[in-house]
Protein backbone atom coordinates (compact mmCIF):
# COMPACT_ATOMS: atom_id res chain seq x y z
CA VAL A 1 20.83 -18.45 -35.60
CA TRP A 2 22.58 -18.64 -32.31
CA GLY A 3 20.84 -16.08 -30.93
CA MET A 4 17.03 -18.08 -31.46
CA ALA A 5 19.09 -21.44 -30.23
CA GLY A 6 20.21 -19.44 -27.24
CA LEU A 7 15.97 -18.03 -26.31
CA ILE A 8 14.88 -21.60 -27.04
CA ALA A 9 17.37 -23.06 -24.71
CA LEU A 10 16.17 -20.13 -22.05
CA SER A 11 13.02 -21.00 -22.38
CA VAL A 12 13.24 -24.92 -22.38
CA LEU A 13 15.25 -24.25 -19.71
CA VAL A 14 12.33 -22.25 -17.28
CA THR A 15 9.68 -24.54 -18.35
CA GLY A 16 11.94 -27.77 -17.21
CA ALA A 17 12.44 -26.12 -13.79
CA GLY A 18 9.08 -24.85 -13.32
CA THR A 19 7.70 -28.35 -14.37
CA LEU A 20 10.46 -29.69 -11.73
CA ILE A 21 9.42 -27.43 -8.98
CA ALA A 22 5.70 -28.32 -9.86
CA ALA A 23 6.47 -31.87 -9.51
CA VAL A 24 8.72 -32.01 -6.06
CA GLN A 25 5.82 -29.42 -4.59
CA GLU A 26 3.17 -32.70 -5.54
CA ARG A 27 5.94 -35.26 -3.87
CA ALA A 28 6.95 -32.71 -0.58
CA ARG A 29 5.20 -35.48 1.81
CA GLU A 30 7.12 -38.67 -0.32
CA LEU A 31 10.15 -36.60 -0.21
CA ALA A 32 9.94 -35.56 3.47
CA THR A 33 9.35 -38.95 4.76
CA LEU A 34 12.56 -40.55 3.07
CA ARG A 35 14.12 -37.62 5.19
CA ALA A 36 12.51 -38.57 8.43
CA ILE A 37 13.57 -41.89 8.00
CA GLY A 38 17.24 -41.24 6.81
CA TYR A 39 17.90 -40.32 3.69
CA SER A 40 20.39 -37.17 3.26
CA SER A 41 19.42 -34.47 1.56
CA PHE A 42 22.12 -34.40 -0.64
CA ALA A 43 21.21 -38.12 -1.61
CA LEU A 44 17.87 -36.56 -2.81
CA LEU A 45 18.98 -34.03 -4.57
CA GLN A 46 21.13 -36.35 -6.15
CA ALA A 47 18.14 -38.77 -6.90
CA LEU A 48 16.18 -35.60 -8.25
CA VAL A 49 19.08 -34.92 -10.75
CA PHE A 50 19.12 -37.91 -12.19
CA GLU A 51 15.55 -38.01 -12.60
CA ALA A 52 15.50 -35.10 -14.68
CA LEU A 53 19.05 -36.56 -16.65
CA VAL A 54 16.83 -39.80 -17.61
CA LEU A 55 13.83 -38.14 -18.48
CA ALA A 56 15.80 -35.39 -20.35
CA ALA A 57 18.28 -38.36 -22.22
CA ALA A 58 14.50 -40.48 -23.40
CA GLY A 59 13.31 -36.88 -24.53
CA GLY A 60 16.23 -36.07 -26.37
CA LEU A 61 16.91 -39.34 -28.24
CA ILE A 62 13.32 -39.15 -29.28
CA GLY A 63 13.66 -36.18 -30.76
CA LEU A 64 17.09 -37.18 -32.27
CA LEU A 65 15.03 -40.16 -33.66
CA ALA A 66 12.51 -37.51 -34.93
CA ALA A 67 14.80 -35.46 -36.68
CA GLN A 68 16.50 -38.48 -38.63
CA LEU A 69 13.22 -39.71 -39.72
CA LEU A 70 11.60 -36.52 -40.79
CA VAL A 71 14.11 -33.42 -41.85
CA ARG A 72 17.64 -35.38 -42.32
CA ASP A 73 18.63 -33.73 -45.76
CA ALA A 74 15.94 -32.21 -46.55
CA THR A 75 16.46 -29.04 -48.75
CA PHE A 76 14.29 -25.98 -48.05
CA ARG A 77 14.20 -23.28 -50.37
CA ILE A 78 13.96 -19.33 -49.11
CA GLY A 79 14.22 -16.33 -50.50
CA MET A 80 16.97 -16.79 -53.17
CA GLY A 81 18.50 -19.65 -51.53
CA ALA A 82 18.04 -22.83 -50.16
CA LEU A 83 18.99 -24.84 -47.22
CA THR A 84 20.05 -28.97 -46.59
CA PHE A 85 19.78 -29.73 -43.14
CA ALA A 86 22.83 -32.41 -42.81
CA ILE A 87 23.01 -34.34 -39.70
CA ASP A 88 26.16 -35.61 -39.04
CA SER A 89 27.34 -37.01 -36.11
CA GLY A 90 28.74 -33.45 -34.41
CA ALA A 91 25.27 -32.09 -34.51
CA ILE A 92 23.91 -35.53 -32.71
CA LEU A 93 26.42 -35.18 -29.79
CA ALA A 94 25.92 -31.58 -29.66
CA ALA A 95 22.10 -31.77 -29.39
CA PHE A 96 22.73 -34.31 -26.64
CA GLY A 97 24.85 -32.52 -24.50
CA GLY A 98 23.14 -29.79 -24.66
CA VAL A 99 19.74 -31.99 -23.85
CA LEU A 100 21.82 -33.24 -20.64
CA VAL A 101 22.74 -29.80 -19.62
CA LEU A 102 19.57 -28.56 -19.54
CA GLY A 103 17.93 -31.11 -17.85
CA PHE A 104 21.03 -31.22 -15.03
CA LEU A 105 20.41 -27.30 -14.83
CA GLY A 106 16.82 -27.25 -15.06
CA SER A 107 16.92 -29.65 -12.12
CA LEU A 108 18.90 -27.64 -10.07
CA PRO A 109 15.94 -25.45 -8.50
CA ALA A 110 13.50 -28.30 -7.83
CA GLY A 111 16.19 -30.00 -6.03
CA LEU A 112 17.49 -27.03 -3.87
CA ARG A 113 13.78 -27.08 -3.28
CA VAL A 114 13.83 -30.23 -1.35
CA VAL A 115 17.36 -29.16 0.49
CA ARG A 116 15.49 -26.67 1.87
CA LEU A 117 12.32 -27.54 2.92
CA PRO A 118 11.40 -28.05 6.86
CA LEU A 119 10.74 -31.71 7.45
CA ALA A 120 7.99 -31.07 9.60
CA GLU A 121 6.20 -28.40 7.32
CA ALA A 122 6.31 -31.03 4.49
CA LEU A 123 5.10 -33.93 6.67
CA THR A 124 2.44 -32.43 7.77
CA ASP A 125 0.66 -30.32 4.84
CA GLU A 126 -2.19 -31.91 3.54
C-alpha cells in the first residue's frame, strides 16, 4: 500500500509541476512586468509557492470532504476478508499535510523557472 501511495504521490508531483510550469510559461510576460517594476525574484517565487499552496489546500479539502461523504466506514470485501475504511483525525492530518507538501514541491520547478527567466526575453516574447 505504501509503495502504491508513493507512486501516486510521484505522479501527482510530476503532473502538478508540469501544470505549474505551463501556467508560468503562459504568464511569462506578466511575471516579467512585475520584475521590471521592482518585484524581486524571491517575491515572485514566494507568490507562486503561496498560490500553489492555496490551490493544493482547496483541492485537498474537496478530496477530504468527498472521502468523508463517500467512503467513510465503507466495507469492501476482497478475497477471504474485508477492509473497512476508517477516516480518523490522524488520517485527515496526514492526507492534508501530504497535499501541502506535494503542492510546495510541485511549485518549486515553476518558481525556479521564474527566477531564471531572462527579463528582456520574457517582455519581448509574443
